[in-house]
Amino acid sequence: MIQSNTPLPNRWLILQLVNLGTFMTTLDVGIVNLALPTMAYEFETNLSYVQWVVTSYLLTMVALLPILGKLSDRLDRRKIYSWGFLIFGLGSLCAALSSSLLTIIIARCIQGVGSAMIMANSQAMVRAIFPDHERGKALGINTIVMSIGTLSGPAIGGFLMEIAGWPLLFWLNVPLGVVALVFGLRWFPDTERAYHPLDLLGSTLLALATTILLYAAVVAEQKGFTTLVLSLGAAGIALIVILLVYERKLEHGILDRILYKNKYIGIGNLSAFLFYAAQMASLIPITFYMQNVLQLSTRNVGLLLAIQPVFMGIMGPVAGWYRDRYGARIPTTAGAICCALSTLPIILGSEVSVWDTVLYSSLFGLGSGFFLASNNADIMGNAPAAKASLVGSMLALIRYLGMIVGIGLAVLLVGQLGGAAVDTAVLAPKIRWLFVICFAFALCLTVFSWMRPKRRNV
């Protein structure tokens, strides 16, 4: 068993296996986002329904991440991490063989289980094997892999879809899952363990609340703010209030006190939530708009979407290097400003053009590279060793909660995208309002990023 502050000589080799898990999960998200318009056409539905292919995956992880984070701190982290690769590959196999939207959604839930096992431990594994002065660099490299995965999704995915259709996109994960399982069991070290009680009730309340609120957003887009929608919204909010009251009484609940008592972790998680909400709320509608309104091919859409991860991959290591030496305040703030600027061409323009999407992708990718590597390193660098998986899983949980909120906003405002007919005169103002909300998120992100201490903890 390694000690938390003892770096392993083969830590950079182990990082490549961690990167493989990151690659698999980001590749899958990038591919599925691009395939949504094709799935909507094939199954004769629109964004309001086909978005459950993405949302079911995210909700499964939201429900399981806290439990798996605590289990990983208590049990053998390397086994939970490694077997997650196999379950993720199994879900991919089921998705590739699916013949209906319902079976795809079920398969995505299986993928979500495997992805939760991976994501609950990836940040904790980096924290365990790297000393603090190398964590920013390691997470910067991981950011490059994240960008490559996202790049491979739209670019390679768009090309493969034109040749063989969307099932082939899921087949890619099957051999990767098997290889990662074998090497994970062989290479991942056994780390320190801590024994905290599991918060099953808190996890259940959180999963129910997010599911109900997102479903309310879907129904509101279809039928307006009916009595059912208002009732669902009230029920979801009530569950969140109950969760908050219940968690205040627990020493080791799903909302562990370290998440808000530790200034670095609290600001980092709140910033991550705002970032991912803005990213998902803007990315999915732009994908649909380029295909259905601008009439671009999936290959060209993939190439345009690849601009964002390219800039992200360039700036990630730079931001990680800067954080290791001077702290996370400057790179996270600079990243937030870039994200805010990326929304302005679409907000201020009369209509959304190809060049608007290029500017959006470039600036948001630049901001992502600055923000993510330094923010993640700041959170994990200040996490106690005994709660590394818990903090890592909560970071992933916050990320996916932000994505769910972003999807809900997109469905609420522009859920008719992907339908049989789209009135661009009606759609354009809704997209602008959606980007105004993303701009507001980015401004709040700027404020919270500037609130960080100037120097990191050592």
Protein backbone atom coordinates (compact mmCIF):
# COMPACT_ATOMS: atom_id res chain seq x y z
CA MET A 1 0.00 0.00 0.00
CA ILE A 2 1.44 3.38 -0.98
CA GLN A 3 1.42 6.41 1.28
CA SER A 4 -0.37 9.50 0.00
CA ASN A 5 2.82 11.61 -0.23
CA THR A 6 5.12 8.91 -1.66
CA PRO A 7 5.28 9.19 -5.46
CA LEU A 8 5.62 5.94 -7.38
CA PRO A 9 8.47 5.56 -9.87
CA ASN A 10 6.02 4.36 -12.56
CA ARG A 11 3.44 7.08 -11.83
CA TRP A 12 3.65 8.54 -15.33
CA LEU A 13 2.91 5.11 -16.80
CA ILE A 14 -0.08 4.72 -14.48
CA LEU A 15 -1.25 8.17 -15.59
CA GLN A 16 -1.55 6.87 -19.14
CA LEU A 17 -4.02 4.24 -17.94
CA VAL A 18 -5.96 6.94 -16.10
CA ASN A 19 -5.87 8.90 -19.34
CA LEU A 20 -7.35 5.91 -21.17
CA GLY A 21 -10.38 6.05 -18.86
CA THR A 22 -10.69 9.78 -19.49
CA PHE A 23 -10.39 9.17 -23.22
CA MET A 24 -13.13 6.53 -23.22
CA THR A 25 -15.65 8.64 -21.33
CA THR A 26 -14.99 11.90 -23.22
CA LEU A 27 -14.92 10.10 -26.57
CA ASP A 28 -18.32 8.62 -25.76
CA VAL A 29 -19.87 11.99 -24.85
CA GLY A 30 -18.47 13.65 -27.97
CA ILE A 31 -19.72 10.88 -30.23
CA VAL A 32 -23.20 10.76 -28.69
CA ASN A 33 -23.68 14.53 -28.86
CA LEU A 34 -22.94 14.46 -32.56
CA ALA A 35 -25.19 11.42 -33.11
CA LEU A 36 -28.25 12.95 -31.41
CA PRO A 37 -29.63 14.64 -34.55
CA THR A 38 -29.22 11.39 -36.52
CA MET A 39 -30.91 9.38 -33.76
CA ALA A 40 -33.75 11.92 -33.59
CA TYR A 41 -34.35 11.50 -37.33
CA GLU A 42 -34.03 7.69 -37.28
CA PHE A 43 -36.41 7.23 -34.34
CA GLU A 44 -38.74 10.04 -35.53
CA THR A 45 -38.42 12.20 -32.43
CA ASN A 46 -36.83 15.53 -31.40
CA LEU A 47 -34.32 16.92 -28.90
CA SER A 48 -36.81 16.78 -26.01
CA TYR A 49 -36.88 12.97 -26.20
CA VAL A 50 -33.56 11.98 -27.71
CA GLN A 51 -31.69 14.04 -25.09
CA TRP A 52 -32.45 11.19 -22.66
CA VAL A 53 -29.67 9.26 -24.44
CA VAL A 54 -27.30 11.76 -22.81
CA THR A 55 -29.32 12.52 -19.67
CA SER A 56 -29.87 8.89 -18.61
CA TYR A 57 -26.10 8.42 -18.70
CA LEU A 58 -25.53 11.51 -16.58
CA LEU A 59 -28.30 10.77 -14.08
CA THR A 60 -26.97 7.26 -13.48
CA MET A 61 -23.60 8.72 -12.59
CA VAL A 62 -25.17 11.39 -10.38
CA ALA A 63 -26.95 8.68 -8.38
CA LEU A 64 -23.90 6.42 -8.01
CA LEU A 65 -20.88 8.72 -7.77
CA PRO A 66 -21.19 9.59 -4.04
CA ILE A 67 -21.71 5.96 -3.00
CA LEU A 68 -18.89 4.72 -5.20
CA GLY A 69 -16.60 7.48 -3.91
CA LYS A 70 -17.14 6.37 -0.32
CA LEU A 71 -16.87 2.68 -1.24
CA SER A 72 -13.59 3.34 -3.02
CA ASP A 73 -12.17 5.09 0.05
CA ARG A 74 -13.21 2.09 2.17
CA LEU A 75 -12.48 -0.82 -0.19
CA ASP A 76 -9.95 -1.62 -2.93
CA ARG A 77 -9.94 1.46 -5.16
CA ARG A 78 -7.98 -0.19 -7.94
CA LYS A 79 -10.52 -3.03 -8.33
CA ILE A 80 -13.54 -0.72 -8.43
CA TYR A 81 -11.70 1.47 -10.95
CA SER A 82 -10.60 -1.45 -13.13
CA TRP A 83 -13.94 -3.30 -13.21
CA GLY A 84 -15.59 -0.02 -14.16
CA PHE A 85 -13.83 -0.29 -17.52
CA LEU A 86 -15.45 -3.66 -18.18
CA ILE A 87 -18.96 -2.49 -17.25
CA PHE A 88 -18.54 0.59 -19.42
CA GLY A 89 -17.52 -1.63 -22.33
CA LEU A 90 -20.50 -3.92 -21.70
CA GLY A 91 -22.87 -0.95 -21.83
CA SER A 92 -21.25 0.16 -25.08
CA LEU A 93 -21.81 -3.31 -26.53
CA CYS A 94 -25.50 -3.20 -25.59
CA ALA A 95 -25.86 0.27 -27.12
CA ALA A 96 -24.24 -0.86 -30.37
CA LEU A 97 -26.72 -3.75 -30.63
CA SER A 98 -29.79 -1.62 -29.75
CA SER A 99 -32.66 -1.28 -32.22
CA SER A 100 -34.86 1.25 -30.36
CA LEU A 101 -34.47 4.48 -28.43
CA LEU A 102 -35.54 2.73 -25.20
CA THR A 103 -32.86 0.03 -25.42
CA ILE A 104 -30.22 2.66 -26.16
CA ILE A 105 -31.25 4.57 -23.03
CA ILE A 106 -31.04 1.36 -20.94
CA ALA A 107 -27.60 0.63 -22.38
CA ARG A 108 -26.54 4.17 -21.57
CA CYS A 109 -27.53 3.56 -17.95
CA ILE A 110 -25.20 0.54 -17.90
CA GLN A 111 -22.48 2.74 -19.35
CA GLY A 112 -23.24 5.26 -16.61
CA VAL A 113 -22.56 2.64 -13.93
CA GLY A 114 -19.15 1.83 -15.40
CA SER A 115 -18.33 5.48 -15.97
CA ALA A 116 -19.20 6.32 -12.34
CA MET A 117 -16.79 3.61 -11.16
CA ILE A 118 -14.08 5.18 -13.33
CA MET A 119 -14.77 8.84 -12.61
CA ALA A 120 -15.09 8.31 -8.85
CA ASN A 121 -11.46 7.22 -8.77
CA SER A 122 -9.54 8.89 -11.60
CA GLN A 123 -8.82 12.17 -9.80
CA ALA A 124 -8.15 10.31 -6.54
CA MET A 125 -5.64 8.05 -8.27
CA VAL A 126 -3.74 11.05 -9.66
CA ARG A 127 -3.81 12.66 -6.22
CA ALA A 128 -2.42 9.48 -4.65
CA ILE A 129 0.45 8.85 -7.05
CA PHE A 130 1.64 12.43 -7.72
CA PRO A 131 3.13 14.94 -5.27
CA ASP A 132 1.46 18.35 -5.23
CA HIS A 133 4.20 20.05 -7.26
CA GLU A 134 3.47 17.63 -10.15
CA ARG A 135 -0.33 17.42 -9.93
CA GLY A 136 -0.99 20.46 -12.10
CA LYS A 137 1.29 19.07 -14.81
CA ALA A 138 -0.33 15.61 -14.56
CA LEU A 139 -3.83 17.05 -14.75
CA GLY A 140 -2.72 19.26 -17.62
CA ILE A 141 -1.70 16.15 -19.56
CA ASN A 142 -5.02 14.59 -18.60
CA THR A 143 -6.71 17.70 -20.05
CA ILE A 144 -4.92 17.06 -23.36
CA VAL A 145 -6.29 13.52 -23.38
CA MET A 146 -9.72 14.91 -22.54
CA SER A 147 -9.46 17.19 -25.55
CA ILE A 148 -8.26 14.34 -27.79
CA GLY A 149 -11.24 12.25 -26.68
CA THR A 150 -13.63 15.08 -27.39
CA LEU A 151 -11.83 15.74 -30.68
CA SER A 152 -12.04 12.10 -31.69
CA GLY A 153 -15.76 12.05 -30.94
CA PRO A 154 -16.98 14.76 -33.35
CA ALA A 155 -14.26 14.46 -36.00
CA ILE A 156 -13.75 10.68 -36.29
CA GLY A 157 -17.34 10.02 -35.21
CA GLY A 158 -18.74 12.21 -37.95
CA PHE A 159 -16.63 10.40 -40.54
CA LEU A 160 -17.62 6.94 -39.27
CA MET A 161 -21.31 7.86 -39.15
CA GLU A 162 -21.29 8.70 -42.83
CA ILE A 163 -19.75 5.29 -43.57
CA ALA A 164 -21.43 2.86 -41.15
CA GLY A 165 -23.91 4.72 -38.93
CA TRP A 166 -24.00 5.44 -35.20
CA PRO A 167 -23.74 1.82 -33.83
CA LEU A 168 -20.09 1.70 -34.88
CA LEU A 169 -19.39 4.60 -32.54
CA PHE A 170 -20.24 2.47 -29.50
CA TRP A 171 -18.24 -0.52 -30.74
CA LEU A 172 -15.05 1.50 -30.26
CA ASN A 173 -15.35 1.28 -26.46
CA VAL A 174 -15.57 -2.52 -26.26
CA PRO A 175 -11.91 -3.47 -26.90
CA LEU A 176 -10.70 -0.43 -24.94
CA GLY A 177 -12.67 -1.59 -21.89
CA VAL A 178 -11.13 -5.05 -21.95
CA VAL A 179 -7.58 -3.75 -22.34
CA ALA A 180 -8.03 -1.20 -19.55
CA LEU A 181 -9.41 -3.86 -17.18
CA VAL A 182 -6.38 -6.11 -17.65
CA PHE A 183 -3.76 -3.40 -17.17
CA GLY A 184 -5.71 -1.67 -14.39
CA LEU A 185 -5.67 -4.76 -12.19
CA ARG A 186 -1.96 -5.13 -12.89
CA TRP A 187 -0.73 -1.52 -12.56
CA PHE A 188 -3.03 0.43 -10.23
CA PRO A 189 -1.53 0.62 -6.71
CA ASP A 190 -3.35 -0.13 -3.48
CA THR A 191 -3.87 3.16 -1.64
CA GLU A 192 -4.79 4.31 1.85
CA ARG A 193 -8.29 3.46 3.04
CA ALA A 194 -10.74 5.14 5.39
CA TYR A 195 -14.00 3.84 6.78
CA HIS A 196 -17.01 6.17 6.63
CA PRO A 197 -20.70 5.20 6.67
CA LEU A 198 -22.58 5.15 3.37
CA ASP A 199 -25.28 7.75 2.77
CA LEU A 200 -27.84 5.74 0.80
CA LEU A 201 -30.77 8.00 1.68
CA GLY A 202 -28.92 11.15 0.64
CA SER A 203 -27.88 9.61 -2.69
CA THR A 204 -31.47 8.51 -3.34
CA LEU A 205 -32.86 11.97 -2.55
CA LEU A 206 -30.33 13.62 -4.86
CA ALA A 207 -31.04 11.22 -7.74
CA LEU A 208 -34.82 11.65 -7.39
CA ALA A 209 -34.61 15.45 -7.17
CA THR A 210 -32.47 15.86 -10.29
CA THR A 211 -34.56 13.37 -12.30
CA ILE A 212 -37.84 15.06 -11.38
CA LEU A 213 -36.56 18.56 -12.11
CA LEU A 214 -35.15 17.57 -15.50
CA TYR A 215 -38.36 15.75 -16.44
CA ALA A 216 -40.28 18.88 -15.46
CA ALA A 217 -38.14 20.87 -17.92
CA VAL A 218 -38.91 18.37 -20.70
CA VAL A 219 -42.67 18.50 -20.07
CA ALA A 220 -42.58 22.31 -19.83
CA GLU A 221 -41.03 22.54 -23.29
CA GLN A 222 -43.73 20.28 -24.74
CA LYS A 223 -46.86 21.53 -22.93
CA GLY A 224 -45.88 24.79 -21.23
CA PHE A 225 -45.99 25.52 -17.51
CA THR A 226 -48.96 23.34 -16.68
CA THR A 227 -50.11 22.21 -13.24
CA LEU A 228 -48.13 18.99 -13.73
CA VAL A 229 -44.94 20.92 -14.49
CA LEU A 230 -45.34 23.20 -11.48
CA SER A 231 -46.08 20.20 -9.25
CA LEU A 232 -43.00 18.36 -10.49
CA GLY A 233 -40.85 21.43 -10.00
CA ALA A 234 -42.17 21.93 -6.46
CA ALA A 235 -41.55 18.25 -5.66
CA GLY A 236 -37.97 18.43 -6.95
CA ILE A 237 -37.21 21.57 -4.97
CA ALA A 238 -38.82 20.06 -1.86
CA LEU A 239 -36.56 17.01 -2.17
CA ILE A 240 -33.50 19.25 -2.41
CA VAL A 241 -34.58 21.13 0.73
CA ILE A 242 -35.12 17.82 2.56
CA LEU A 243 -31.69 16.67 1.38
CA LEU A 244 -30.01 19.82 2.68
CA VAL A 245 -31.73 19.57 6.07
CA TYR A 246 -30.94 15.86 6.36
CA GLU A 247 -27.29 16.28 5.36
CA ARG A 248 -26.67 18.93 8.05
CA LYS A 249 -27.09 16.23 10.69
CA LEU A 250 -24.57 13.83 9.17
CA GLU A 251 -20.84 13.78 9.78
CA HIS A 252 -20.05 11.87 6.57
CA GLY A 253 -23.03 12.43 4.25
CA ILE A 254 -23.23 12.82 0.51
CA LEU A 255 -22.68 16.55 1.05
CA ASP A 256 -19.58 16.09 3.18
CA ARG A 257 -18.61 19.14 5.23
CA ILE A 258 -15.22 19.32 3.59
CA LEU A 259 -16.99 20.31 0.37
CA TYR A 260 -17.94 23.72 1.79
CA LYS A 261 -15.67 24.18 4.83
CA ASN A 262 -12.49 23.88 2.77
CA LYS A 263 -12.26 27.14 0.77
CA TYR A 264 -10.28 25.67 -2.11
CA ILE A 265 -12.64 22.71 -2.58
CA GLY A 266 -15.81 24.77 -2.09
CA ILE A 267 -14.89 27.47 -4.62
CA GLY A 268 -13.53 24.87 -7.02
CA ASN A 269 -16.70 22.77 -7.02
CA LEU A 270 -19.00 25.78 -7.37
CA SER A 271 -16.89 27.06 -10.25
CA ALA A 272 -16.95 23.65 -11.93
CA PHE A 273 -20.77 23.54 -11.70
CA LEU A 274 -21.11 26.91 -13.43
CA PHE A 275 -18.57 25.98 -16.10
CA TYR A 276 -20.18 22.70 -17.13
CA ALA A 277 -23.71 24.15 -17.05
CA ALA A 278 -22.60 26.86 -19.50
CA GLN A 279 -20.70 24.38 -21.67
CA MET A 280 -23.53 21.86 -22.06
CA ALA A 281 -26.27 24.50 -22.47
CA SER A 282 -24.37 25.97 -25.41
CA LEU A 283 -22.76 22.91 -27.01
CA ILE A 284 -25.81 20.70 -27.69
CA PRO A 285 -27.99 23.41 -29.33
CA ILE A 286 -25.06 24.53 -31.51
CA THR A 287 -24.62 20.94 -32.72
CA PHE A 288 -28.29 20.69 -33.71
CA TYR A 289 -28.29 24.17 -35.26
CA MET A 290 -25.33 23.43 -37.51
CA GLN A 291 -26.92 20.24 -38.82
CA ASN A 292 -30.60 21.19 -39.04
CA VAL A 293 -30.49 24.92 -39.81
CA LEU A 294 -27.10 25.54 -41.43
CA GLN A 295 -27.42 22.15 -43.21
CA LEU A 296 -23.81 21.12 -42.59
CA SER A 297 -22.76 17.48 -42.95
CA THR A 298 -21.87 15.47 -39.86
CA ARG A 299 -18.25 15.46 -41.01
CA ASN A 300 -18.12 19.27 -41.20
CA VAL A 301 -19.96 19.63 -37.90
CA GLY A 302 -17.43 17.31 -36.31
CA LEU A 303 -14.53 19.38 -37.64
CA LEU A 304 -16.07 22.61 -36.32
CA LEU A 305 -16.73 21.07 -32.91
CA ALA A 306 -13.12 19.84 -32.84
CA ILE A 307 -11.89 23.44 -32.64
CA GLN A 308 -12.84 23.65 -28.97
CA PRO A 309 -10.84 20.63 -27.72
CA VAL A 310 -7.82 21.64 -29.84
CA PHE A 311 -7.54 24.97 -28.02
CA MET A 312 -8.32 23.21 -24.76
CA GLY A 313 -5.48 20.74 -25.29
CA ILE A 314 -3.01 23.53 -26.10
CA MET A 315 -3.74 25.61 -23.01
CA GLY A 316 -4.31 22.80 -20.47
CA PRO A 317 -0.63 21.99 -19.77
CA VAL A 318 0.24 25.70 -19.66
CA ALA A 319 -2.44 26.33 -17.03
CA GLY A 320 -1.34 23.27 -15.03
CA TRP A 321 2.29 24.42 -15.08
CA TYR A 322 1.30 27.92 -13.93
CA ARG A 323 -0.88 26.57 -11.11
CA ASP A 324 1.95 24.38 -9.78
CA ARG A 325 4.12 27.48 -9.36
CA TYR A 326 1.85 30.44 -8.72
CA GLY A 327 -1.62 29.15 -7.85
CA ALA A 328 -4.94 28.72 -9.65
CA ARG A 329 -6.35 32.24 -9.33
CA ILE A 330 -5.03 33.75 -12.58
CA PRO A 331 -5.60 30.81 -14.99
CA THR A 332 -9.12 30.06 -13.71
CA THR A 333 -10.11 33.73 -13.93
CA ALA A 334 -8.62 34.08 -17.43
CA GLY A 335 -10.48 30.95 -18.50
CA ALA A 336 -13.79 32.28 -17.18
CA ILE A 337 -13.33 35.55 -19.07
CA CYS A 338 -12.64 33.66 -22.31
CA CYS A 339 -15.81 31.58 -21.82
CA ALA A 340 -17.84 34.76 -21.32
CA LEU A 341 -16.39 36.36 -24.45
CA SER A 342 -17.16 33.22 -26.49
CA THR A 343 -20.93 33.79 -26.16
CA LEU A 344 -20.91 37.40 -27.40
CA PRO A 345 -20.80 36.75 -31.19
CA ILE A 346 -24.02 34.73 -30.94
CA ILE A 347 -25.69 37.11 -28.45
CA LEU A 348 -24.92 40.24 -30.48
CA GLY A 349 -25.40 38.84 -33.99
CA SER A 350 -28.64 39.01 -35.95
CA GLU A 351 -28.39 35.33 -36.82
CA VAL A 352 -26.08 32.44 -35.97
CA SER A 353 -23.50 31.89 -38.72
CA VAL A 354 -20.69 29.41 -39.23
CA TRP A 355 -18.17 32.05 -38.20
CA ASP A 356 -20.07 32.63 -34.96
CA THR A 357 -19.70 28.95 -34.13
CA VAL A 358 -15.97 29.09 -34.95
CA LEU A 359 -15.45 32.04 -32.60
CA TYR A 360 -17.52 30.37 -29.91
CA SER A 361 -15.61 27.09 -30.16
CA SER A 362 -12.19 28.80 -30.21
CA LEU A 363 -12.74 31.09 -27.23
CA PHE A 364 -14.60 28.52 -25.14
CA GLY A 365 -11.88 25.96 -25.86
CA LEU A 366 -9.23 28.46 -24.80
CA GLY A 367 -11.16 29.17 -21.59
CA SER A 368 -11.65 25.46 -20.91
CA GLY A 369 -7.92 24.80 -21.14
CA PHE A 370 -7.11 27.62 -18.72
CA PHE A 371 -9.83 26.70 -16.24
CA LEU A 372 -10.06 22.91 -16.00
CA ALA A 373 -6.48 21.81 -15.32
CA SER A 374 -5.84 24.48 -12.66
CA ASN A 375 -9.25 24.10 -11.03
CA ASN A 376 -9.04 20.31 -10.75
CA ALA A 377 -5.49 20.46 -9.40
CA ASP A 378 -6.53 23.04 -6.80
CA ILE A 379 -9.39 20.84 -5.57
CA MET A 380 -7.50 17.57 -5.43
CA GLY A 381 -4.33 19.18 -4.06
CA ASN A 382 -6.27 20.31 -0.99
CA ALA A 383 -8.22 17.06 -0.48
CA PRO A 384 -7.28 14.93 2.57
CA ALA A 385 -5.79 11.58 1.57
CA ALA A 386 -8.48 9.70 3.54
CA LYS A 387 -11.22 11.38 1.47
CA ALA A 388 -9.52 11.53 -1.91
CA SER A 389 -12.07 9.33 -3.71
CA LEU A 390 -14.95 11.13 -2.02
CA VAL A 391 -13.68 14.54 -3.12
CA GLY A 392 -12.87 13.21 -6.59
CA SER A 393 -16.30 11.64 -6.96
CA MET A 394 -17.97 14.84 -5.76
CA LEU A 395 -15.98 16.80 -8.34
CA ALA A 396 -17.31 14.44 -11.00
CA LEU A 397 -20.79 14.68 -9.46
CA ILE A 398 -20.72 18.48 -9.59
CA ARG A 399 -19.55 18.27 -13.19
CA TYR A 400 -22.46 16.07 -14.24
CA LEU A 401 -24.99 18.06 -12.22
CA GLY A 402 -23.83 21.10 -14.15
CA MET A 403 -24.26 19.20 -17.40
CA ILE A 404 -27.78 18.16 -16.40
CA VAL A 405 -28.71 21.77 -15.63
CA GLY A 406 -27.25 22.81 -18.99
CA ILE A 407 -29.25 20.16 -20.84
CA GLY A 408 -32.40 21.20 -18.95
CA LEU A 409 -31.93 24.82 -20.01
CA ALA A 410 -31.35 23.77 -23.62
CA VAL A 411 -34.47 21.60 -23.65
CA LEU A 412 -36.56 24.33 -21.99
CA LEU A 413 -35.60 27.03 -24.50
CA VAL A 414 -34.80 25.25 -27.77
CA GLY A 415 -36.19 21.73 -27.32
CA GLN A 416 -37.94 21.86 -30.70
CA LEU A 417 -34.57 21.49 -32.45
CA GLY A 418 -34.46 18.21 -34.34
CA GLY A 419 -38.17 18.25 -35.15
CA ALA A 420 -39.68 18.08 -38.60
CA ALA A 421 -39.77 21.85 -39.14
CA VAL A 422 -37.80 24.62 -37.49
CA ASP A 423 -38.80 28.29 -37.75
CA THR A 424 -35.46 30.11 -37.64
CA ALA A 425 -37.17 33.45 -36.98
CA VAL A 426 -38.57 32.02 -33.74
CA LEU A 427 -35.53 29.91 -32.91
CA ALA A 428 -32.79 32.56 -33.20
CA PRO A 429 -34.02 34.75 -30.29
CA LYS A 430 -34.34 31.67 -28.06
CA ILE A 431 -30.75 30.64 -28.81
CA ARG A 432 -29.58 34.17 -28.03
CA TRP A 433 -31.39 34.11 -24.68
CA LEU A 434 -29.83 30.73 -23.93
CA PHE A 435 -26.39 32.20 -24.60
CA VAL A 436 -27.21 35.22 -22.43
CA ILE A 437 -27.75 32.75 -19.56
CA CYS A 438 -24.41 31.09 -20.39
CA PHE A 439 -22.79 34.53 -20.39
CA ALA A 440 -24.22 35.19 -16.91
CA PHE A 441 -22.87 31.83 -15.70
CA ALA A 442 -19.42 32.74 -17.06
CA LEU A 443 -19.49 36.12 -15.31
CA CYS A 444 -20.32 34.43 -12.00
CA LEU A 445 -17.52 31.96 -12.71
CA THR A 446 -15.14 34.90 -13.17
CA VAL A 447 -16.07 36.34 -9.77
CA PHE A 448 -15.67 33.03 -7.93
CA SER A 449 -12.35 32.32 -9.66
CA TRP A 450 -10.98 35.71 -8.58
CA MET A 451 -12.00 34.93 -4.97
CA ARG A 452 -9.34 32.20 -4.79
CA PRO A 453 -6.18 32.90 -2.77
CA LYS A 454 -3.29 34.24 -4.86
CA ARG A 455 -1.00 31.41 -3.85
CA ARG A 456 -1.77 27.72 -3.60
CA ASN A 457 -1.42 25.64 -0.43
CA VAL A 458 1.78 23.62 -0.30
